[in-house]
């Protein structure tokens, strides 16, 4: 009994304290998309579908850029655990440089996606809304990447309150922007889905401003000095890329498979597409809980590794896994027992509600495995392990789940439900494999060696 009590006190409680504001921040992040969905839905299923696809396509590209910065979880957390603030600051500078260097090629990729939209086979009712939304929301790429850099730095130092504040308050900016710009208020024109895109851009610029102020304030008011040197350091940039590229690929494989499923759903009638987008919005809200736990696990595991505390690192990772198992089990029950009220928040269309309820039933089946895969990914990132998860996600999502979903949807007549059954199969495979990988990694002593030296 004393061992269980110490695990709760020394591992679970610190994980909850760090994770709660991070989860609030993640919920604030996804709430922007939910607000956009709610505000655009009166324009009809086609407008809702076009906005959903545009947002999903942008996030697929933006997430790769944000994933490149995931190496900051490891480097800053381990340097902070070793008590080296100067190294933390130098990693921040390298992260800002990486954000700036990654923006141009990703912007070119988004431009190419936009130009190729007419050849993707989207439903003709959906395509005009998609073409109106995507090029505007793409303007938020630079602030999004800079935000990701500043967030990872503050998060690795366990300063998570300001991150939660930035995202929660940014939702007010987004809500006001949607209200003013979608339907037009006073002298402002009614911009429709384009207005929703502009609101998102403004909200993301605001988020960067809040986090930049927090970093400045911390160094000027707390440490009494600026945030280190901003000179480009190729060696540190290389370290970040060595960690971040596999992590970005893993994240892109995961987000990308949902993007691919959304693109495939875009070939189906608008009611199926609208149901897909609504169900995806609902489970995305649930997903923010394990995503926040994943970030907290990466930070606490990394800090323990920086201190040379093997037992603390292992206990931190297992604490996150235990918590996510309980949370996602409860979420699965909520989705399968009462899907109607959740879908009814977005639409009153009976056909959309009926299809959406079936999708949420499938989602309930993969909630535990979805939580496992993202939480163990964070814990492994704290150890500096990003390459093997990338391979597991490639096999699970793209070589297994997506082909199965396509067959079920288009060849075997299951429609959009078939696409989601493919997602369920992939998440079961990936979640199980990553749990086995975590157990094996913490069973060795090799993970005690920090990825980088304390001096960075």
Protein backbone atom coordinates (compact mmCIF):
# COMPACT_ATOMS: atom_id res chain seq x y z
CA UNK A 1 0.00 0.00 0.00
CA UNK A 2 2.85 2.39 0.83
CA UNK A 3 4.37 1.80 -2.61
CA UNK A 4 1.08 2.66 -4.30
CA UNK A 5 0.75 5.77 -2.11
CA UNK A 6 4.27 6.93 -2.96
CA UNK A 7 3.61 6.40 -6.67
CA UNK A 8 0.52 8.61 -6.46
CA UNK A 9 2.32 11.23 -4.37
CA UNK A 10 5.67 11.29 -6.19
CA UNK A 11 4.63 10.52 -9.78
CA UNK A 12 0.90 10.92 -10.42
CA UNK A 13 0.41 14.16 -8.47
CA UNK A 14 3.31 16.05 -10.16
CA UNK A 15 2.12 14.80 -13.54
CA UNK A 16 -1.40 16.10 -12.88
CA UNK A 17 -0.12 19.47 -11.66
CA UNK A 18 1.96 20.03 -14.78
CA UNK A 19 -0.53 18.46 -17.19
CA UNK A 20 -3.66 20.38 -16.13
CA UNK A 21 -2.61 23.79 -17.54
CA UNK A 22 -1.15 22.08 -20.60
CA UNK A 23 -4.45 20.26 -21.16
CA UNK A 24 -6.25 23.59 -20.74
CA UNK A 25 -3.93 25.01 -23.39
CA UNK A 26 -4.60 22.09 -25.73
CA UNK A 27 -8.34 22.46 -25.20
CA UNK A 28 -7.98 26.14 -25.99
CA UNK A 29 -6.15 25.20 -29.19
CA UNK A 30 -8.79 22.79 -30.41
CA UNK A 31 -11.58 25.08 -29.25
CA UNK A 32 -10.63 27.45 -32.07
CA UNK A 33 -11.56 24.80 -34.59
CA UNK A 34 -14.74 23.94 -32.72
CA UNK A 35 -15.74 27.62 -32.60
CA UNK A 36 -15.09 27.92 -36.33
CA UNK A 37 -17.27 24.86 -36.92
CA UNK A 38 -20.12 26.20 -34.80
CA UNK A 39 -19.95 29.66 -36.39
CA UNK A 40 -19.76 28.36 -39.97
CA UNK A 41 -22.39 25.61 -39.61
CA UNK A 42 -25.37 27.95 -40.27
CA UNK A 43 -23.96 28.45 -43.78
CA UNK A 44 -24.81 24.82 -44.57
CA UNK A 45 -23.13 21.38 -44.82
CA UNK A 46 -21.05 22.34 -47.88
CA UNK A 47 -19.57 25.40 -46.14
CA UNK A 48 -18.95 23.34 -43.01
CA UNK A 49 -17.22 20.63 -45.02
CA UNK A 50 -15.09 23.09 -46.99
CA UNK A 51 -13.92 24.85 -43.83
CA UNK A 52 -13.18 21.53 -42.16
CA UNK A 53 -11.11 20.25 -45.08
CA UNK A 54 -9.24 23.57 -45.37
CA UNK A 55 -8.40 23.57 -41.69
CA UNK A 56 -7.32 19.93 -41.81
CA UNK A 57 -5.07 20.46 -44.85
CA UNK A 58 -3.41 23.46 -43.22
CA UNK A 59 -2.88 21.68 -39.92
CA UNK A 60 -1.31 18.71 -41.71
CA UNK A 61 1.42 21.03 -43.06
CA UNK A 62 1.60 23.22 -39.97
CA UNK A 63 1.92 20.22 -37.68
CA UNK A 64 5.03 19.08 -39.53
CA UNK A 65 6.62 22.47 -38.86
CA UNK A 66 5.51 22.37 -35.23
CA UNK A 67 6.83 18.81 -35.00
CA UNK A 68 10.29 19.97 -36.04
CA UNK A 69 10.36 21.93 -32.78
CA UNK A 70 9.46 18.97 -30.58
CA UNK A 71 13.17 18.44 -29.96
CA UNK A 72 12.94 21.42 -27.60
CA UNK A 73 10.96 19.19 -25.22
CA UNK A 74 14.02 16.99 -24.87
CA UNK A 75 16.85 19.53 -25.00
CA UNK A 76 15.37 22.29 -22.84
CA UNK A 77 13.86 19.90 -20.30
CA UNK A 78 17.11 17.98 -19.91
CA UNK A 79 19.17 21.21 -19.65
CA UNK A 80 16.69 22.55 -17.10
CA UNK A 81 16.90 19.31 -15.13
CA UNK A 82 20.68 19.71 -15.08
CA UNK A 83 20.30 23.28 -13.79
CA UNK A 84 21.79 25.03 -16.84
CA UNK A 85 19.65 28.08 -17.73
CA UNK A 86 22.18 29.34 -20.29
CA UNK A 87 21.78 26.12 -22.27
CA UNK A 88 17.98 26.50 -22.10
CA UNK A 89 18.28 29.98 -23.61
CA UNK A 90 20.59 28.83 -26.38
CA UNK A 91 18.12 26.09 -27.31
CA UNK A 92 15.39 28.74 -27.45
CA UNK A 93 17.45 30.81 -29.89
CA UNK A 94 18.04 27.75 -32.06
CA UNK A 95 14.34 27.00 -31.99
CA UNK A 96 13.50 30.51 -33.22
CA UNK A 97 16.00 30.08 -36.06
CA UNK A 98 14.47 26.71 -36.96
CA UNK A 99 10.99 28.27 -37.01
CA UNK A 100 12.18 30.96 -39.41
CA UNK A 101 14.03 28.58 -41.70
CA UNK A 102 11.13 26.09 -41.87
CA UNK A 103 8.51 28.68 -42.82
CA UNK A 104 9.41 29.35 -46.52
CA UNK A 105 9.45 25.72 -47.74
CA UNK A 106 6.25 24.91 -45.86
CA UNK A 107 4.59 28.03 -47.30
CA UNK A 108 5.53 26.86 -50.80
CA UNK A 109 4.04 23.45 -50.01
CA UNK A 110 0.77 25.06 -48.90
CA UNK A 111 0.68 27.11 -52.10
CA UNK A 112 1.13 23.91 -54.12
CA UNK A 113 -1.70 22.21 -52.20
CA UNK A 114 -3.98 25.18 -52.90
CA UNK A 115 -3.19 25.13 -56.61
CA UNK A 116 -3.88 21.39 -56.76
CA UNK A 117 -7.28 21.51 -55.03
CA UNK A 118 -9.34 21.20 -58.28
CA UNK A 119 -7.61 17.87 -59.01
CA UNK A 120 -8.25 16.28 -55.59
CA UNK A 121 -11.78 15.16 -56.50
CA UNK A 122 -13.63 17.16 -53.84
CA UNK A 123 -17.39 17.41 -54.12
CA UNK A 124 -18.29 20.38 -56.39
CA UNK A 125 -20.49 21.92 -53.69
CA UNK A 126 -17.59 21.89 -51.20
CA UNK A 127 -14.70 23.04 -53.40
CA UNK A 128 -15.55 26.81 -53.61
CA UNK A 129 -15.66 27.12 -49.82
CA UNK A 130 -12.39 25.25 -49.50
CA UNK A 131 -10.72 27.54 -52.05
CA UNK A 132 -11.94 30.59 -50.15
CA UNK A 133 -10.72 29.38 -46.75
CA UNK A 134 -7.31 27.74 -47.30
CA UNK A 135 -5.20 30.61 -48.76
CA UNK A 136 -6.21 32.95 -45.94
CA UNK A 137 -5.64 30.57 -43.05
CA UNK A 138 -2.24 29.73 -44.60
CA UNK A 139 -1.12 33.25 -43.61
CA UNK A 140 -1.07 32.05 -39.99
CA UNK A 141 1.85 29.68 -40.66
CA UNK A 142 4.70 32.00 -39.48
CA UNK A 143 3.07 32.94 -36.16
CA UNK A 144 2.03 29.32 -35.63
CA UNK A 145 5.61 28.05 -35.86
CA UNK A 146 6.98 30.82 -33.65
CA UNK A 147 4.24 30.12 -31.13
CA UNK A 148 5.23 26.44 -31.12
CA UNK A 149 8.86 27.35 -30.39
CA UNK A 150 8.05 29.70 -27.51
CA UNK A 151 5.53 27.26 -26.09
CA UNK A 152 7.96 24.33 -26.07
CA UNK A 153 10.57 26.47 -24.30
CA UNK A 154 8.20 27.70 -21.57
CA UNK A 155 6.64 24.27 -21.19
CA UNK A 156 10.00 22.55 -20.71
CA UNK A 157 10.72 25.00 -17.88
CA UNK A 158 7.35 24.01 -16.31
CA UNK A 159 5.92 27.51 -16.95
CA UNK A 160 2.60 26.28 -18.31
CA UNK A 161 0.13 28.77 -16.84
CA UNK A 162 0.89 31.50 -19.38
CA UNK A 163 0.45 28.98 -22.22
CA UNK A 164 -3.02 28.12 -20.99
CA UNK A 165 -3.86 31.81 -20.64
CA UNK A 166 -2.65 32.58 -24.16
CA UNK A 167 -4.81 29.91 -25.77
CA UNK A 168 -7.92 30.46 -23.67
CA UNK A 169 -7.86 34.21 -24.29
CA UNK A 170 -7.04 33.67 -27.97
CA UNK A 171 -10.37 31.87 -28.23
CA UNK A 172 -12.10 35.10 -27.26
CA UNK A 173 -10.22 36.86 -30.07
CA UNK A 174 -11.24 34.08 -32.46
CA UNK A 175 -14.87 34.12 -31.30
CA UNK A 176 -15.14 37.88 -31.71
CA UNK A 177 -13.45 37.73 -35.11
CA UNK A 178 -15.83 35.02 -36.30
CA UNK A 179 -18.84 36.98 -35.08
CA UNK A 180 -17.74 40.18 -36.80
CA UNK A 181 -16.43 38.75 -40.07
CA UNK A 182 -18.55 35.73 -41.05
CA UNK A 183 -21.92 37.45 -41.21
CA UNK A 184 -20.77 41.08 -41.13
CA UNK A 185 -21.51 43.55 -38.33
CA UNK A 186 -22.03 47.26 -38.92
CA UNK A 187 -19.67 48.51 -41.65
CA UNK A 188 -17.82 45.18 -41.80
CA UNK A 189 -18.70 43.03 -44.84
CA UNK A 190 -20.04 39.48 -44.53
CA UNK A 191 -17.05 37.37 -45.59
CA UNK A 192 -18.48 33.90 -44.92
CA UNK A 193 -15.86 31.18 -44.53
CA UNK A 194 -13.13 33.69 -45.44
CA UNK A 195 -14.10 35.69 -42.35
CA UNK A 196 -13.59 32.59 -40.20
CA UNK A 197 -10.12 32.16 -41.72
CA UNK A 198 -9.18 35.78 -40.95
CA UNK A 199 -10.35 35.34 -37.35
CA UNK A 200 -8.03 32.35 -36.99
CA UNK A 201 -5.07 34.34 -38.36
CA UNK A 202 -5.66 37.17 -35.89
CA UNK A 203 -5.98 34.75 -32.97
CA UNK A 204 -2.66 33.05 -33.79
CA UNK A 205 -0.83 36.37 -34.06
CA UNK A 206 -2.24 37.27 -30.66
CA UNK A 207 -0.96 33.98 -29.14
CA UNK A 208 2.58 34.69 -30.31
CA UNK A 209 2.44 38.14 -28.78
CA UNK A 210 1.43 36.78 -25.37
CA UNK A 211 4.14 34.11 -25.26
CA UNK A 212 6.84 36.49 -26.55
CA UNK A 213 5.94 38.90 -23.77
CA UNK A 214 6.12 36.05 -21.22
CA UNK A 215 9.63 35.06 -22.35
CA UNK A 216 10.80 38.68 -22.31
CA UNK A 217 9.28 39.29 -18.87
CA UNK A 218 10.84 36.16 -17.42
CA UNK A 219 14.34 37.12 -18.48
CA UNK A 220 14.15 40.85 -17.80
CA UNK A 221 12.23 40.71 -14.52
CA UNK A 222 13.22 37.33 -13.08
CA UNK A 223 16.79 36.66 -14.23
CA UNK A 224 17.72 40.28 -14.92
CA UNK A 225 19.21 39.59 -18.34
CA UNK A 226 18.12 39.07 -21.95
CA UNK A 227 17.37 35.63 -23.35
CA UNK A 228 20.91 34.68 -24.29
CA UNK A 229 22.49 34.98 -27.72
CA UNK A 230 20.43 34.89 -30.91
CA UNK A 231 23.34 33.89 -33.14
CA UNK A 232 22.68 30.95 -35.47
CA UNK A 233 24.45 27.87 -34.08
CA UNK A 234 24.56 25.10 -36.73
CA UNK A 235 25.52 22.37 -34.27
CA UNK A 236 22.55 23.02 -31.98
CA UNK A 237 20.30 23.38 -35.01
CA UNK A 238 21.52 19.97 -36.15
CA UNK A 239 20.69 18.47 -32.74
CA UNK A 240 17.18 19.88 -32.91
CA UNK A 241 16.68 18.50 -36.40
CA UNK A 242 18.02 15.07 -35.38
CA UNK A 243 15.35 14.91 -32.70
CA UNK A 244 12.67 16.94 -34.45
CA UNK A 245 12.63 15.42 -37.93
CA UNK A 246 11.59 11.92 -36.77
CA UNK A 247 9.14 13.46 -34.29
CA UNK A 248 7.73 15.69 -37.04
CA UNK A 249 7.43 12.71 -39.37
CA UNK A 250 5.63 10.71 -36.66
CA UNK A 251 3.25 13.60 -35.98
CA UNK A 252 2.69 14.12 -39.69
CA UNK A 253 1.96 10.44 -40.25
CA UNK A 254 -0.62 10.60 -37.46
CA UNK A 255 -2.25 13.92 -38.41
CA UNK A 256 -1.76 13.15 -42.08
CA UNK A 257 -3.81 9.97 -41.94
CA UNK A 258 -6.74 11.95 -40.52
CA UNK A 259 -6.15 14.51 -43.28
CA UNK A 260 -6.17 11.75 -45.87
CA UNK A 261 -9.38 10.33 -44.43
CA UNK A 262 -10.94 13.81 -44.53
CA UNK A 263 -9.84 14.21 -48.15
CA UNK A 264 -11.40 10.85 -49.00
CA UNK A 265 -14.57 11.84 -47.13
CA UNK A 266 -14.61 14.96 -49.31
CA UNK A 267 -15.50 12.72 -52.23
CA UNK A 268 -18.66 11.57 -50.43
CA UNK A 269 -21.99 13.48 -50.28
CA UNK A 270 -22.00 16.64 -48.09
CA UNK A 271 -24.01 14.97 -45.30
CA UNK A 272 -21.38 12.27 -44.83
CA UNK A 273 -18.60 14.86 -44.96
CA UNK A 274 -20.36 17.11 -42.43
CA UNK A 275 -20.89 14.14 -40.07
CA UNK A 276 -17.22 13.22 -40.44
CA UNK A 277 -16.10 16.75 -39.63
CA UNK A 278 -18.40 17.05 -36.60
CA UNK A 279 -17.38 13.65 -35.20
CA UNK A 280 -13.72 14.52 -35.79
CA UNK A 281 -14.21 17.81 -33.95
CA UNK A 282 -15.70 15.98 -30.97
CA UNK A 283 -12.97 13.37 -30.64
CA UNK A 284 -10.35 16.06 -31.22
CA UNK A 285 -11.56 17.76 -28.04
CA UNK A 286 -11.18 14.47 -26.14
CA UNK A 287 -7.74 13.96 -27.71
CA UNK A 288 -6.46 17.17 -26.11
CA UNK A 289 -6.37 15.44 -22.70
CA UNK A 290 -3.84 12.75 -23.70
CA UNK A 291 -2.02 15.29 -25.86
CA UNK A 292 -1.54 17.50 -22.79
CA UNK A 293 -0.41 14.47 -20.78
CA UNK A 294 2.02 13.63 -23.59
CA UNK A 295 3.64 17.07 -23.34
CA UNK A 296 3.80 16.85 -19.55
CA UNK A 297 5.33 13.37 -19.79
CA UNK A 298 7.99 14.60 -22.22
CA UNK A 299 8.91 17.44 -19.85
CA UNK A 300 8.99 15.46 -16.59
CA UNK A 301 10.74 12.43 -18.10
CA UNK A 302 13.29 14.75 -19.73
CA UNK A 303 13.91 16.68 -16.51
CA UNK A 304 14.52 13.41 -14.61
CA UNK A 305 16.92 12.24 -17.31
CA UNK A 306 18.79 15.55 -17.04
CA UNK A 307 19.19 14.91 -13.30
CA UNK A 308 20.30 11.30 -13.87
CA UNK A 309 17.23 9.95 -12.05
CA UNK A 310 16.29 6.72 -13.84
CA UNK A 311 13.57 5.71 -11.39
CA UNK A 312 11.96 9.15 -11.52
CA UNK A 313 11.92 9.13 -15.33
CA UNK A 314 10.27 5.70 -15.45
CA UNK A 315 7.69 6.59 -12.80
CA UNK A 316 6.79 9.83 -14.59
CA UNK A 317 6.11 8.00 -17.83
CA UNK A 318 4.06 5.26 -16.16
CA UNK A 319 2.07 7.88 -14.24
CA UNK A 320 1.03 9.54 -17.50
CA UNK A 321 0.02 6.17 -18.96
CA UNK A 322 -2.08 5.21 -15.93
CA UNK A 323 -3.89 8.56 -15.99
CA UNK A 324 -4.63 8.39 -19.72
CA UNK A 325 -6.04 4.86 -19.46
CA UNK A 326 -8.62 6.04 -16.94
CA UNK A 327 -9.52 9.22 -18.82
CA UNK A 328 -9.92 7.58 -22.22
CA UNK A 329 -12.00 4.71 -20.83
CA UNK A 330 -14.44 7.27 -19.44
CA UNK A 331 -14.43 9.13 -22.77
CA UNK A 332 -15.20 5.95 -24.69
CA UNK A 333 -18.22 5.29 -22.47
CA UNK A 334 -19.50 8.85 -22.97
CA UNK A 335 -19.21 8.58 -26.75
CA UNK A 336 -20.93 5.22 -27.10
CA UNK A 337 -23.71 5.78 -24.56
CA UNK A 338 -24.83 9.29 -25.55
CA UNK A 339 -23.60 10.35 -29.01
CA UNK A 340 -26.71 12.34 -29.99
CA UNK A 341 -26.36 15.31 -27.60
CA UNK A 342 -22.75 15.89 -28.63
CA UNK A 343 -23.54 15.92 -32.34
CA UNK A 344 -26.64 18.02 -31.68
CA UNK A 345 -24.39 20.85 -30.50
CA UNK A 346 -23.27 21.30 -34.10
CA UNK A 347 -26.31 20.53 -36.25
CA UNK A 348 -30.00 19.70 -36.23
CA UNK A 349 -29.85 17.83 -39.54
CA UNK A 350 -31.23 14.34 -38.85
CA UNK A 351 -29.13 12.65 -41.54
CA UNK A 352 -25.92 14.20 -40.26
CA UNK A 353 -26.78 13.22 -36.67
CA UNK A 354 -27.51 9.60 -37.66
CA UNK A 355 -24.21 9.19 -39.54
CA UNK A 356 -22.28 11.02 -36.82
CA UNK A 357 -23.63 8.69 -34.12
CA UNK A 358 -22.26 5.69 -36.00
CA UNK A 359 -18.88 7.38 -36.32
CA UNK A 360 -18.73 8.12 -32.61
CA UNK A 361 -19.48 4.47 -31.86
CA UNK A 362 -16.38 3.53 -33.87
CA UNK A 363 -14.41 6.30 -32.13
CA UNK A 364 -15.34 4.86 -28.73
CA UNK A 365 -13.61 1.62 -29.71
CA UNK A 366 -10.24 3.30 -30.31
CA UNK A 367 -10.15 5.94 -27.55
CA UNK A 368 -7.91 3.97 -25.18
CA UNK A 369 -5.41 3.13 -27.92
CA UNK A 370 -5.42 6.72 -29.21
CA UNK A 371 -4.59 7.92 -25.72
CA UNK A 372 -1.86 5.31 -25.34
CA UNK A 373 -0.13 6.14 -28.60
CA UNK A 374 0.14 9.88 -27.97
CA UNK A 375 1.09 9.61 -24.28
CA UNK A 376 3.80 7.01 -24.79
CA UNK A 377 5.15 9.11 -27.68
CA UNK A 378 5.65 12.01 -25.26
CA UNK A 379 7.30 9.84 -22.62
CA UNK A 380 9.65 8.37 -25.23
CA UNK A 381 10.46 11.89 -26.49
CA UNK A 382 11.58 12.77 -22.97
CA UNK A 383 14.11 9.95 -23.29
CA UNK A 384 15.23 11.29 -26.67
CA UNK A 385 13.62 8.38 -28.57
CA UNK A 386 11.89 9.71 -31.69
CA UNK A 387 13.03 7.43 -34.53
CA UNK A 388 11.31 4.13 -33.73
CA UNK A 389 7.91 5.78 -33.07
CA UNK A 390 8.19 7.33 -36.53
CA UNK A 391 8.58 3.89 -38.13
CA UNK A 392 5.72 2.43 -36.07
CA UNK A 393 3.39 5.25 -37.12
CA UNK A 394 4.31 4.88 -40.80
CA UNK A 395 3.48 1.18 -40.74
CA UNK A 396 0.39 1.47 -38.57
CA UNK A 397 -1.29 4.46 -40.20
CA UNK A 398 -0.24 4.46 -43.82
CA UNK A 399 0.60 0.86 -44.67
CA UNK A 400 -2.20 -0.72 -42.62
CA UNK A 401 -5.06 1.52 -41.44
CA UNK A 402 -5.52 3.84 -44.42
CA UNK A 403 -5.60 1.12 -47.11
CA UNK A 404 -8.06 -0.85 -45.00
CA UNK A 405 -10.27 2.20 -44.55
CA UNK A 406 -10.24 2.91 -48.30
CA UNK A 407 -11.27 -0.66 -49.08
CA UNK A 408 -14.06 -0.60 -46.50
CA UNK A 409 -15.36 2.74 -47.76
CA UNK A 410 -15.13 2.56 -51.52
CA UNK A 411 -14.96 -1.14 -52.35
CA UNK A 412 -16.95 -2.87 -49.63
CA UNK A 413 -19.74 -0.30 -49.27
CA UNK A 414 -19.28 0.91 -45.69
CA UNK A 415 -19.01 4.58 -46.70
CA UNK A 416 -17.52 7.05 -44.24
CA UNK A 417 -17.90 4.51 -41.41
CA UNK A 418 -15.44 2.27 -43.27
CA UNK A 419 -12.85 5.06 -43.24
CA UNK A 420 -13.21 5.30 -39.47
CA UNK A 421 -12.91 1.54 -39.02
CA UNK A 422 -9.56 1.80 -40.78
CA UNK A 423 -8.53 4.52 -38.32
CA UNK A 424 -9.55 2.28 -35.42
CA UNK A 425 -7.39 -0.58 -36.70
CA UNK A 426 -4.35 1.68 -37.13
CA UNK A 427 -4.66 3.24 -33.66
CA UNK A 428 -4.96 -0.19 -32.03
CA UNK A 429 -1.75 -1.29 -33.75
CA UNK A 430 0.24 1.90 -33.06
CA UNK A 431 -0.91 2.30 -29.47
CA UNK A 432 -0.03 -1.28 -28.56
CA UNK A 433 3.38 -1.16 -30.28
CA UNK A 434 4.40 2.12 -28.62
CA UNK A 435 3.44 0.81 -25.18
CA UNK A 436 5.70 -2.21 -25.74
CA UNK A 437 8.51 0.10 -26.92
CA UNK A 438 8.21 2.30 -23.81
CA UNK A 439 8.31 -0.73 -21.52
CA UNK A 440 11.47 -2.00 -23.19
CA UNK A 441 13.22 1.38 -23.19
CA UNK A 442 12.68 2.04 -19.48
CA UNK A 443 13.81 -1.49 -18.74
CA UNK A 444 17.35 -0.56 -19.77
CA UNK A 445 19.89 1.88 -18.32
CA UNK A 446 20.83 3.38 -21.70
CA UNK A 447 18.15 6.06 -21.46
CA UNK A 448 19.90 7.66 -18.46
CA UNK A 449 22.40 9.35 -20.77
CA UNK A 450 21.05 12.80 -21.76
CA UNK A 451 20.67 13.40 -25.48
CA UNK A 452 22.79 16.57 -25.20
CA UNK A 453 25.28 17.79 -22.66
CA UNK A 454 24.15 20.20 -20.02
CA UNK A 455 25.97 23.06 -21.71
CA UNK A 456 24.04 22.47 -24.92
